Amino acid sequence: MTGSPLQLPDTLLHSTPDEGEAIEALRGRLDGILREHGTARLVGPDGETMALPASAFNALKVIVEGMARGQTMTLIPHGRELTTQEAADILHVSRPHLVKLLDAGNIPHHKVGTHRRVRIEDVLDYREQRARTRREKLDELTRLSEELEGGYR
């Protein structure tokens, strides 16, 4: 695969090495906040507080957990259209292979001028479908190998 991973500067989230301890402490604290208090509150620099909606708190928790594992997290809003390179990067395939998938009708797309555009939802749906098919095929191979005389057990 050529090119670099999908990089949207405003949605690429990662911690720096010097933040490791603080991220890990935050990760541990987030686990107990809702359990202990039933709600989370955000405190501004002037001391003003506001309740954090559960969905925002859960998003923060997912991001912090990923960062604590050393992962770079990417937030991509649904409805966003991707270039073929961005879609290929998400699927971990080459851009030419992605174009073949688009041309075969495996992933819906449309053209803007001469350029193909793919909706993020369609890329994620294809990725999930591909993973589901792989799991099913692996389960079938496992079943067949267990049925063979002297097969895997």
C-alpha atoms as a PDB file:
ATOM      1  CA  MET A   1       0.000   0.000   0.000  1.00  0.00           C
ATOM      2  CA  THR A   2       1.295   3.421  -0.814  1.00  0.00           C
ATOM      3  CA  GLY A   3       0.587   6.714   0.856  1.00  0.00           C
ATOM      4  CA  SER A   4       0.168   7.558   4.501  1.00  0.00           C
ATOM      5  CA  PRO A   5      -2.739   6.676   6.780  1.00  0.00           C
ATOM      6  CA  LEU A   6      -5.815   8.861   6.764  1.00  0.00           C
ATOM      7  CA  GLN A   7      -4.760  12.086   8.412  1.00  0.00           C
ATOM      8  CA  LEU A   8      -7.306  14.719   9.174  1.00  0.00           C
ATOM      9  CA  PRO A   9      -5.361  17.176  11.346  1.00  0.00           C
ATOM     10  CA  ASP A  10      -8.387  18.324  13.315  1.00  0.00           C
ATOM     11  CA  THR A  11      -9.470  14.775  14.145  1.00  0.00           C
ATOM     12  CA  LEU A  12      -6.147  12.964  14.681  1.00  0.00           C
ATOM     13  CA  LEU A  13      -5.701  12.380  18.420  1.00  0.00           C
ATOM     14  CA  HIS A  14      -2.605  11.007  20.136  1.00  0.00           C
ATOM     15  CA  SER A  15      -0.753  11.544  23.368  1.00  0.00           C
ATOM     16  CA  THR A  16       2.867  12.564  23.594  1.00  0.00           C
ATOM     17  CA  PRO A  17       5.383  10.383  25.458  1.00  0.00           C
ATOM     18  CA  ASP A  18       5.534  12.840  28.376  1.00  0.00           C
ATOM     19  CA  GLU A  19       1.743  12.563  28.857  1.00  0.00           C
ATOM     20  CA  GLY A  20       1.784   8.794  29.427  1.00  0.00           C
ATOM     21  CA  GLU A  21       1.478   8.932  33.214  1.00  0.00           C
ATOM     22  CA  ALA A  22      -1.280  11.540  33.140  1.00  0.00           C
ATOM     23  CA  ILE A  23      -3.246   9.643  30.464  1.00  0.00           C
ATOM     24  CA  GLU A  24      -2.994   6.424  32.474  1.00  0.00           C
ATOM     25  CA  ALA A  25      -4.145   8.225  35.645  1.00  0.00           C
ATOM     26  CA  LEU A  26      -7.077   9.751  33.761  1.00  0.00           C
ATOM     27  CA  ARG A  27      -7.972   6.346  32.345  1.00  0.00           C
ATOM     28  CA  GLY A  28      -8.136   4.885  35.845  1.00  0.00           C
ATOM     29  CA  ARG A  29     -10.145   7.808  37.194  1.00  0.00           C
ATOM     30  CA  LEU A  30     -12.718   7.745  34.368  1.00  0.00           C
ATOM     31  CA  ASP A  31     -13.640   4.167  35.247  1.00  0.00           C
ATOM     32  CA  GLY A  32     -14.837   5.215  38.703  1.00  0.00           C
ATOM     33  CA  ILE A  33     -16.395   8.625  38.076  1.00  0.00           C
ATOM     34  CA  LEU A  34     -19.824   7.562  36.857  1.00  0.00           C
ATOM     35  CA  ARG A  35     -19.914   4.622  39.260  1.00  0.00           C
ATOM     36  CA  GLU A  36     -19.173   6.888  42.248  1.00  0.00           C
ATOM     37  CA  HIS A  37     -21.098  10.011  41.262  1.00  0.00           C
ATOM     38  CA  GLY A  38     -23.661   8.980  38.642  1.00  0.00           C
ATOM     39  CA  THR A  39     -22.651  11.904  36.456  1.00  0.00           C
ATOM     40  CA  ALA A  40     -19.545  13.697  35.262  1.00  0.00           C
ATOM     41  CA  ARG A  41     -18.978  17.416  35.392  1.00  0.00           C
ATOM     42  CA  LEU A  42     -16.652  19.652  33.433  1.00  0.00           C
ATOM     43  CA  VAL A  43     -14.952  22.431  35.374  1.00  0.00           C
ATOM     44  CA  GLY A  44     -13.787  25.493  33.446  1.00  0.00           C
ATOM     45  CA  PRO A  45     -10.778  27.680  34.309  1.00  0.00           C
ATOM     46  CA  ASP A  46     -13.103  30.139  36.087  1.00  0.00           C
ATOM     47  CA  GLY A  47     -14.569  27.350  38.260  1.00  0.00           C
ATOM     48  CA  GLU A  48     -17.854  27.220  36.366  1.00  0.00           C
ATOM     49  CA  THR A  49     -19.144  23.658  36.072  1.00  0.00           C
ATOM     50  CA  MET A  50     -21.504  21.918  33.713  1.00  0.00           C
ATOM     51  CA  ALA A  51     -22.798  18.372  33.478  1.00  0.00           C
ATOM     52  CA  LEU A  52     -21.156  16.259  30.804  1.00  0.00           C
ATOM     53  CA  PRO A  53     -23.734  14.301  28.773  1.00  0.00           C
ATOM     54  CA  ALA A  54     -23.252  10.528  29.003  1.00  0.00           C
ATOM     55  CA  SER A  55     -22.517  10.266  25.261  1.00  0.00           C
ATOM     56  CA  ALA A  56     -19.713  12.850  25.499  1.00  0.00           C
ATOM     57  CA  PHE A  57     -18.316  11.158  28.595  1.00  0.00           C
ATOM     58  CA  ASN A  58     -18.337   7.764  26.850  1.00  0.00           C
ATOM     59  CA  ALA A  59     -16.563   9.257  23.819  1.00  0.00           C
ATOM     60  CA  LEU A  60     -13.906  10.725  26.118  1.00  0.00           C
ATOM     61  CA  LYS A  61     -13.499   7.361  27.801  1.00  0.00           C
ATOM     62  CA  VAL A  62     -13.004   5.525  24.476  1.00  0.00           C
ATOM     63  CA  ILE A  63     -10.435   8.094  23.329  1.00  0.00           C
ATOM     64  CA  VAL A  64      -8.484   8.033  26.598  1.00  0.00           C
ATOM     65  CA  GLU A  65      -8.461   4.216  26.686  1.00  0.00           C
ATOM     66  CA  GLY A  66      -7.042   4.102  23.150  1.00  0.00           C
ATOM     67  CA  MET A  67      -4.446   6.754  23.908  1.00  0.00           C
ATOM     68  CA  ALA A  68      -3.411   4.896  27.081  1.00  0.00           C
ATOM     69  CA  ARG A  69      -2.715   1.862  24.862  1.00  0.00           C
ATOM     70  CA  GLY A  70      -0.490   4.053  22.685  1.00  0.00           C
ATOM     71  CA  GLN A  71      -2.958   4.200  19.804  1.00  0.00           C
ATOM     72  CA  THR A  72      -3.547   7.233  17.636  1.00  0.00           C
ATOM     73  CA  MET A  73      -7.284   7.802  17.421  1.00  0.00           C
ATOM     74  CA  THR A  74      -9.048   9.289  14.403  1.00  0.00           C
ATOM     75  CA  LEU A  75     -12.474  10.867  14.634  1.00  0.00           C
ATOM     76  CA  ILE A  76     -14.354  10.976  11.349  1.00  0.00           C
ATOM     77  CA  PRO A  77     -17.848  12.424  11.247  1.00  0.00           C
ATOM     78  CA  HIS A  78     -20.457  10.282   9.502  1.00  0.00           C
ATOM     79  CA  GLY A  79     -21.570  11.799   6.241  1.00  0.00           C
ATOM     80  CA  ARG A  80     -17.997  12.743   5.342  1.00  0.00           C
ATOM     81  CA  GLU A  81     -16.872  11.846   1.859  1.00  0.00           C
ATOM     82  CA  LEU A  82     -13.442  10.312   1.445  1.00  0.00           C
ATOM     83  CA  THR A  83     -10.974  10.287  -1.400  1.00  0.00           C
ATOM     84  CA  THR A  84     -10.029   6.879  -2.744  1.00  0.00           C
ATOM     85  CA  GLN A  85      -6.683   7.083  -0.896  1.00  0.00           C
ATOM     86  CA  GLU A  86      -8.369   7.880   2.419  1.00  0.00           C
ATOM     87  CA  ALA A  87     -10.826   4.986   1.939  1.00  0.00           C
ATOM     88  CA  ALA A  88      -7.974   2.639   0.960  1.00  0.00           C
ATOM     89  CA  ASP A  89      -6.057   3.650   4.096  1.00  0.00           C
ATOM     90  CA  ILE A  90      -9.036   2.852   6.334  1.00  0.00           C
ATOM     91  CA  LEU A  91      -9.400  -0.581   4.699  1.00  0.00           C
ATOM     92  CA  HIS A  92      -5.618  -1.198   4.698  1.00  0.00           C
ATOM     93  CA  VAL A  93      -5.584  -1.894   0.965  1.00  0.00           C
ATOM     94  CA  SER A  94      -3.844  -0.203  -1.948  1.00  0.00           C
ATOM     95  CA  ARG A  95      -5.655   2.581  -3.792  1.00  0.00           C
ATOM     96  CA  PRO A  96      -5.714   0.555  -7.051  1.00  0.00           C
ATOM     97  CA  HIS A  97      -7.333  -2.357  -5.192  1.00  0.00           C
ATOM     98  CA  LEU A  98      -9.938   0.003  -3.727  1.00  0.00           C
ATOM     99  CA  VAL A  99     -10.695   1.348  -7.209  1.00  0.00           C
ATOM    100  CA  LYS A 100     -11.290  -2.255  -8.354  1.00  0.00           C
ATOM    101  CA  LEU A 101     -13.726  -2.730  -5.458  1.00  0.00           C
ATOM    102  CA  LEU A 102     -15.525   0.485  -6.436  1.00  0.00           C
ATOM    103  CA  ASP A 103     -15.690  -0.462 -10.119  1.00  0.00           C
ATOM    104  CA  ALA A 104     -17.011  -3.935  -9.220  1.00  0.00           C
ATOM    105  CA  GLY A 105     -19.816  -2.307  -7.216  1.00  0.00           C
ATOM    106  CA  ASN A 106     -18.642  -3.721  -3.873  1.00  0.00           C
ATOM    107  CA  ILE A 107     -18.614  -0.254  -2.315  1.00  0.00           C
ATOM    108  CA  PRO A 108     -20.960   2.527  -3.470  1.00  0.00           C
ATOM    109  CA  HIS A 109     -19.323   5.702  -4.717  1.00  0.00           C
ATOM    110  CA  HIS A 110     -19.942   8.711  -6.921  1.00  0.00           C
ATOM    111  CA  LYS A 111     -17.784  10.990  -8.981  1.00  0.00           C
ATOM    112  CA  VAL A 112     -16.991  14.630  -8.473  1.00  0.00           C
ATOM    113  CA  GLY A 113     -15.603  15.605 -11.842  1.00  0.00           C
ATOM    114  CA  THR A 114     -13.139  12.822 -12.615  1.00  0.00           C
ATOM    115  CA  HIS A 115     -12.525  11.950  -8.952  1.00  0.00           C
ATOM    116  CA  ARG A 116     -14.305   9.190  -7.062  1.00  0.00           C
ATOM    117  CA  ARG A 117     -15.730   9.930  -3.625  1.00  0.00           C
ATOM    118  CA  VAL A 118     -16.798   7.353  -1.065  1.00  0.00           C
ATOM    119  CA  ARG A 119     -18.978   7.936   1.998  1.00  0.00           C
ATOM    120  CA  ILE A 120     -17.368   6.937   5.289  1.00  0.00           C
ATOM    121  CA  GLU A 121     -20.453   4.882   6.203  1.00  0.00           C
ATOM    122  CA  ASP A 122     -20.080   2.790   3.039  1.00  0.00           C
ATOM    123  CA  VAL A 123     -16.390   2.143   3.762  1.00  0.00           C
ATOM    124  CA  LEU A 124     -17.153   1.119   7.349  1.00  0.00           C
ATOM    125  CA  ASP A 125     -20.046  -1.102   6.203  1.00  0.00           C
ATOM    126  CA  TYR A 126     -17.750  -2.842   3.700  1.00  0.00           C
ATOM    127  CA  ARG A 127     -15.063  -3.279   6.369  1.00  0.00           C
ATOM    128  CA  GLU A 128     -17.576  -4.879   8.752  1.00  0.00           C
ATOM    129  CA  GLN A 129     -18.981  -7.109   5.983  1.00  0.00           C
ATOM    130  CA  ARG A 130     -15.444  -8.204   5.055  1.00  0.00           C
ATOM    131  CA  ALA A 131     -14.628  -8.997   8.706  1.00  0.00           C
ATOM    132  CA  ARG A 132     -17.884 -10.938   9.121  1.00  0.00           C
ATOM    133  CA  THR A 133     -17.163 -12.975   5.954  1.00  0.00           C
ATOM    134  CA  ARG A 134     -13.635 -13.735   7.168  1.00  0.00           C
ATOM    135  CA  ARG A 135     -14.947 -14.919  10.549  1.00  0.00           C
ATOM    136  CA  GLU A 136     -17.550 -17.136   8.856  1.00  0.00           C
ATOM    137  CA  LYS A 137     -14.957 -18.670   6.509  1.00  0.00           C
ATOM    138  CA  LEU A 138     -12.548 -19.271   9.386  1.00  0.00           C
ATOM    139  CA  ASP A 139     -15.317 -20.940  11.415  1.00  0.00           C
ATOM    140  CA  GLU A 140     -16.129 -23.154   8.420  1.00  0.00           C
ATOM    141  CA  LEU A 141     -12.464 -24.119   7.964  1.00  0.00           C
ATOM    142  CA  THR A 142     -12.202 -24.923  11.661  1.00  0.00           C
ATOM    143  CA  ARG A 143     -15.330 -27.075  11.506  1.00  0.00           C
ATOM    144  CA  LEU A 144     -14.066 -28.936   8.417  1.00  0.00           C
ATOM    145  CA  SER A 145     -10.639 -29.565   9.910  1.00  0.00           C
ATOM    146  CA  GLU A 146     -12.208 -30.975  13.081  1.00  0.00           C
ATOM    147  CA  GLU A 147     -14.370 -33.360  11.009  1.00  0.00           C
ATOM    148  CA  LEU A 148     -11.400 -34.826   9.130  1.00  0.00           C
ATOM    149  CA  GLU A 149      -9.911 -38.023  10.443  1.00  0.00           C
ATOM    150  CA  GLY A 150      -6.742 -37.040  12.248  1.00  0.00           C
ATOM    151  CA  GLY A 151      -7.804 -33.425  11.856  1.00  0.00           C
ATOM    152  CA  TYR A 152      -7.140 -30.574  14.198  1.00  0.00           C
ATOM    153  CA  ARG A 153      -8.619 -31.085  17.679  1.00  0.00           C
END
